[in-house]
Amino acid sequence: MLKRIIPALLFTLAVWTAAAASNGFEEALDAYKKGDLKKAVTKLKIHIKENPRAEAYYLLGYANYKLGRHEEARKYFEEAYLIDPELKPGEIIPGK
């Protein structure tokens, strides 16, 4: 019986982890859309520790750029393109 429970628990944990990671990105994107760039940056920095997605790095770069933090923005843009050289910013940044 324990052999059946452990895989089910691991699957449930994986689903919860993926949902939490997605929620972190969605919260950051929502903050970005509302113009709360500092909150977006904070949420994205937390998010990329758990889920280093190119989209999250790019949005973090763009939020920093809009805050006038150009060197920091450059670092995040570079990381985004290292992860995904085919990244299309228009699909990430609202209004682009």
N, C-alpha and C. Protein backbone atom coordinates (compact mmCIF):
# COMPACT_ATOMS: atom_id res chain seq x y z
N MET A 1 0.82 -1.19 0.00
CA MET A 1 0.00 0.00 0.00
C MET A 1 0.87 1.26 0.00
N LEU A 2 1.93 1.23 0.77
CA LEU A 2 2.82 2.39 0.84
C LEU A 2 3.45 2.68 -0.52
N LYS A 3 3.68 1.60 -1.31
CA LYS A 3 4.25 1.78 -2.65
C LYS A 3 3.31 2.55 -3.57
N ARG A 4 2.02 2.52 -3.29
CA ARG A 4 1.05 3.28 -4.10
C ARG A 4 0.89 4.71 -3.60
N ILE A 5 1.02 4.90 -2.32
CA ILE A 5 0.81 6.22 -1.72
C ILE A 5 1.96 7.17 -2.05
N ILE A 6 3.19 6.70 -1.97
CA ILE A 6 4.35 7.56 -2.18
C ILE A 6 4.35 8.19 -3.58
N PRO A 7 4.16 7.42 -4.68
CA PRO A 7 4.11 8.08 -5.99
C PRO A 7 2.97 9.10 -6.10
N ALA A 8 1.84 8.80 -5.50
CA ALA A 8 0.71 9.74 -5.55
C ALA A 8 1.06 11.02 -4.81
N LEU A 9 1.72 10.91 -3.68
CA LEU A 9 2.14 12.09 -2.92
C LEU A 9 3.18 12.90 -3.69
N LEU A 10 4.11 12.23 -4.33
CA LEU A 10 5.13 12.92 -5.11
C LEU A 10 4.51 13.65 -6.29
N PHE A 11 3.54 13.03 -6.94
CA PHE A 11 2.85 13.67 -8.05
C PHE A 11 2.09 14.91 -7.57
N THR A 12 1.40 14.79 -6.45
CA THR A 12 0.66 15.91 -5.89
C THR A 12 1.60 17.05 -5.54
N LEU A 13 2.73 16.74 -4.94
CA LEU A 13 3.72 17.76 -4.60
C LEU A 13 4.24 18.46 -5.85
N ALA A 14 4.49 17.70 -6.91
CA ALA A 14 4.97 18.29 -8.17
C ALA A 14 3.93 19.23 -8.76
N VAL A 15 2.67 18.84 -8.71
CA VAL A 15 1.59 19.69 -9.24
C VAL A 15 1.49 20.97 -8.42
N TRP A 16 1.53 20.87 -7.11
CA TRP A 16 1.46 22.07 -6.25
C TRP A 16 2.65 22.99 -6.50
N THR A 17 3.83 22.41 -6.66
CA THR A 17 5.03 23.22 -6.91
C THR A 17 4.91 23.96 -8.23
N ALA A 18 4.46 23.28 -9.27
CA ALA A 18 4.28 23.92 -10.57
C ALA A 18 3.24 25.03 -10.50
N ALA A 19 2.16 24.79 -9.78
CA ALA A 19 1.11 25.81 -9.65
C ALA A 19 1.63 27.02 -8.89
N ALA A 20 2.40 26.80 -7.85
CA ALA A 20 2.96 27.92 -7.08
C ALA A 20 3.92 28.73 -7.93
N ALA A 21 4.73 28.05 -8.72
CA ALA A 21 5.67 28.76 -9.60
C ALA A 21 4.93 29.59 -10.62
N SER A 22 3.89 29.02 -11.18
CA SER A 22 3.09 29.75 -12.16
C SER A 22 2.42 30.96 -11.52
N ASN A 23 1.89 30.77 -10.31
CA ASN A 23 1.24 31.88 -9.61
C ASN A 23 2.21 33.01 -9.34
N GLY A 24 3.45 32.70 -9.01
CA GLY A 24 4.44 33.75 -8.76
C GLY A 24 4.67 34.60 -9.99
N PHE A 25 4.75 33.96 -11.15
CA PHE A 25 4.94 34.69 -12.39
C PHE A 25 3.70 35.51 -12.71
N GLU A 26 2.54 34.93 -12.52
CA GLU A 26 1.28 35.64 -12.80
C GLU A 26 1.12 36.85 -11.87
N GLU A 27 1.50 36.70 -10.61
CA GLU A 27 1.44 37.83 -9.67
C GLU A 27 2.39 38.94 -10.12
N ALA A 28 3.58 38.56 -10.56
CA ALA A 28 4.55 39.55 -11.03
C ALA A 28 4.04 40.25 -12.29
N LEU A 29 3.47 39.49 -13.20
CA LEU A 29 2.93 40.06 -14.43
C LEU A 29 1.78 41.01 -14.11
N ASP A 30 0.94 40.63 -13.17
CA ASP A 30 -0.17 41.50 -12.75
C ASP A 30 0.36 42.80 -12.15
N ALA A 31 1.37 42.71 -11.30
CA ALA A 31 1.97 43.92 -10.71
C ALA A 31 2.57 44.79 -11.81
N TYR A 32 3.22 44.16 -12.77
CA TYR A 32 3.81 44.90 -13.89
C TYR A 32 2.73 45.65 -14.67
N LYS A 33 1.64 44.96 -14.98
CA LYS A 33 0.54 45.57 -15.74
C LYS A 33 -0.07 46.75 -15.00
N LYS A 34 -0.08 46.67 -13.67
CA LYS A 34 -0.65 47.75 -12.85
C LYS A 34 0.35 48.89 -12.64
N GLY A 35 1.56 48.72 -13.14
CA GLY A 35 2.57 49.77 -13.00
C GLY A 35 3.37 49.70 -11.72
N ASP A 36 3.16 48.66 -10.93
CA ASP A 36 3.90 48.48 -9.68
C ASP A 36 5.18 47.70 -10.00
N LEU A 37 6.13 48.41 -10.61
CA LEU A 37 7.34 47.76 -11.11
C LEU A 37 8.22 47.21 -9.99
N LYS A 38 8.28 47.91 -8.87
CA LYS A 38 9.11 47.42 -7.76
C LYS A 38 8.56 46.10 -7.22
N LYS A 39 7.23 46.00 -7.11
CA LYS A 39 6.62 44.75 -6.67
C LYS A 39 6.87 43.65 -7.69
N ALA A 40 6.77 43.98 -8.97
CA ALA A 40 7.02 43.01 -10.03
C ALA A 40 8.45 42.48 -9.94
N VAL A 41 9.40 43.37 -9.72
CA VAL A 41 10.80 42.97 -9.60
C VAL A 41 10.98 42.03 -8.41
N THR A 42 10.40 42.37 -7.29
CA THR A 42 10.51 41.53 -6.09
C THR A 42 9.93 40.15 -6.35
N LYS A 43 8.72 40.09 -6.91
CA LYS A 43 8.06 38.82 -7.19
C LYS A 43 8.87 37.99 -8.19
N LEU A 44 9.40 38.63 -9.20
CA LEU A 44 10.17 37.91 -10.22
C LEU A 44 11.47 37.36 -9.66
N LYS A 45 12.13 38.11 -8.80
CA LYS A 45 13.37 37.61 -8.20
C LYS A 45 13.11 36.35 -7.37
N ILE A 46 12.00 36.35 -6.68
CA ILE A 46 11.61 35.15 -5.91
C ILE A 46 11.28 34.01 -6.87
N HIS A 47 10.55 34.34 -7.91
CA HIS A 47 10.11 33.33 -8.87
C HIS A 47 11.28 32.64 -9.57
N ILE A 48 12.27 33.40 -10.01
CA ILE A 48 13.36 32.79 -10.77
C ILE A 48 14.26 31.89 -9.92
N LYS A 49 14.22 32.07 -8.61
CA LYS A 49 14.99 31.16 -7.75
C LYS A 49 14.41 29.75 -7.82
N GLU A 50 13.10 29.65 -7.94
CA GLU A 50 12.41 28.37 -8.00
C GLU A 50 12.24 27.88 -9.44
N ASN A 51 12.06 28.82 -10.37
CA ASN A 51 11.71 28.47 -11.74
C ASN A 51 12.40 29.43 -12.71
N PRO A 52 13.65 29.15 -13.05
CA PRO A 52 14.41 30.08 -13.90
C PRO A 52 14.00 30.02 -15.37
N ARG A 53 12.85 30.60 -15.67
CA ARG A 53 12.32 30.63 -17.03
C ARG A 53 12.82 31.87 -17.76
N ALA A 54 13.04 31.73 -19.06
CA ALA A 54 13.49 32.86 -19.87
C ALA A 54 12.51 34.02 -19.79
N GLU A 55 11.22 33.71 -19.81
CA GLU A 55 10.19 34.75 -19.78
C GLU A 55 10.27 35.58 -18.50
N ALA A 56 10.53 34.92 -17.40
CA ALA A 56 10.62 35.62 -16.12
C ALA A 56 11.86 36.52 -16.08
N TYR A 57 12.99 36.01 -16.59
CA TYR A 57 14.19 36.83 -16.65
C TYR A 57 13.99 38.05 -17.55
N TYR A 58 13.31 37.84 -18.68
CA TYR A 58 13.10 38.96 -19.59
C TYR A 58 12.20 40.02 -18.96
N LEU A 59 11.11 39.58 -18.34
CA LEU A 59 10.22 40.54 -17.69
C LEU A 59 10.94 41.27 -16.56
N LEU A 60 11.79 40.56 -15.85
CA LEU A 60 12.59 41.18 -14.79
C LEU A 60 13.53 42.23 -15.39
N GLY A 61 14.12 41.91 -16.52
CA GLY A 61 14.97 42.88 -17.20
C GLY A 61 14.19 44.10 -17.64
N TYR A 62 13.02 43.88 -18.20
CA TYR A 62 12.21 44.99 -18.71
C TYR A 62 11.72 45.89 -17.56
N ALA A 63 11.31 45.29 -16.46
CA ALA A 63 10.86 46.08 -15.31
C ALA A 63 12.02 46.92 -14.77
N ASN A 64 13.20 46.31 -14.68
CA ASN A 64 14.38 47.07 -14.22
C ASN A 64 14.72 48.19 -15.19
N TYR A 65 14.61 47.92 -16.48
CA TYR A 65 14.88 48.95 -17.49
C TYR A 65 13.95 50.14 -17.29
N LYS A 66 12.66 49.86 -17.10
CA LYS A 66 11.70 50.94 -16.92
C LYS A 66 11.93 51.71 -15.61
N LEU A 67 12.59 51.07 -14.64
CA LEU A 67 12.93 51.73 -13.38
C LEU A 67 14.25 52.51 -13.50
N GLY A 68 14.88 52.46 -14.67
CA GLY A 68 16.14 53.18 -14.88
C GLY A 68 17.36 52.41 -14.44
N ARG A 69 17.20 51.16 -14.12
CA ARG A 69 18.31 50.31 -13.68
C ARG A 69 18.84 49.54 -14.90
N HIS A 70 19.52 50.25 -15.78
CA HIS A 70 19.89 49.69 -17.07
C HIS A 70 20.92 48.57 -17.01
N GLU A 71 21.89 48.69 -16.16
CA GLU A 71 22.90 47.63 -16.04
C GLU A 71 22.28 46.34 -15.50
N GLU A 72 21.44 46.49 -14.49
CA GLU A 72 20.77 45.31 -13.94
C GLU A 72 19.84 44.70 -15.00
N ALA A 73 19.16 45.55 -15.75
CA ALA A 73 18.27 45.08 -16.81
C ALA A 73 19.05 44.26 -17.84
N ARG A 74 20.19 44.79 -18.24
CA ARG A 74 21.02 44.10 -19.23
C ARG A 74 21.38 42.69 -18.77
N LYS A 75 21.71 42.56 -17.50
CA LYS A 75 22.08 41.26 -16.93
C LYS A 75 20.92 40.27 -17.07
N TYR A 76 19.71 40.72 -16.80
CA TYR A 76 18.55 39.82 -16.88
C TYR A 76 18.17 39.51 -18.32
N PHE A 77 18.31 40.49 -19.22
CA PHE A 77 18.05 40.23 -20.64
C PHE A 77 19.01 39.16 -21.16
N GLU A 78 20.29 39.30 -20.81
CA GLU A 78 21.29 38.33 -21.25
C GLU A 78 20.95 36.93 -20.75
N GLU A 79 20.55 36.84 -19.49
CA GLU A 79 20.19 35.54 -18.91
C GLU A 79 19.00 34.94 -19.65
N ALA A 80 18.02 35.76 -19.97
CA ALA A 80 16.84 35.28 -20.69
C ALA A 80 17.24 34.66 -22.02
N TYR A 81 18.14 35.34 -22.76
CA TYR A 81 18.54 34.83 -24.07
C TYR A 81 19.52 33.67 -23.99
N LEU A 82 20.21 33.52 -22.87
CA LEU A 82 21.02 32.32 -22.68
C LEU A 82 20.13 31.10 -22.50
N ILE A 83 19.04 31.28 -21.78
CA ILE A 83 18.10 30.19 -21.55
C ILE A 83 17.34 29.85 -22.83
N ASP A 84 16.89 30.87 -23.53
CA ASP A 84 16.10 30.67 -24.75
C ASP A 84 16.48 31.68 -25.82
N PRO A 85 17.42 31.31 -26.70
CA PRO A 85 17.86 32.23 -27.75
C PRO A 85 16.75 32.62 -28.73
N GLU A 86 15.67 31.86 -28.77
CA GLU A 86 14.55 32.13 -29.67
C GLU A 86 13.43 32.93 -28.99
N LEU A 87 13.69 33.48 -27.85
CA LEU A 87 12.70 34.21 -27.06
C LEU A 87 12.08 35.34 -27.89
N LYS A 88 10.77 35.46 -27.81
CA LYS A 88 10.04 36.53 -28.52
C LYS A 88 9.40 37.45 -27.49
N PRO A 89 10.02 38.61 -27.23
CA PRO A 89 9.53 39.52 -26.18
C PRO A 89 8.09 39.95 -26.35
N GLY A 90 7.60 40.07 -27.58
CA GLY A 90 6.22 40.50 -27.79
C GLY A 90 5.20 39.57 -27.19
N GLU A 91 5.58 38.34 -26.95
CA GLU A 91 4.68 37.37 -26.34
C GLU A 91 4.71 37.46 -24.82
N ILE A 92 5.64 38.21 -24.27
CA ILE A 92 5.81 38.30 -22.81
C ILE A 92 5.32 39.63 -22.27
N ILE A 93 5.80 40.71 -22.86
CA ILE A 93 5.55 42.06 -22.37
C ILE A 93 4.20 42.55 -22.87
N PRO A 94 3.31 42.89 -21.95
CA PRO A 94 2.01 43.41 -22.36
C PRO A 94 2.17 44.70 -23.18
N GLY A 95 1.45 44.78 -24.29
CA GLY A 95 1.47 45.98 -25.09
C GLY A 95 2.64 46.08 -26.04
N LYS A 96 3.42 45.03 -26.19
CA LYS A 96 4.57 45.07 -27.11
C LYS A 96 4.22 44.32 -28.37
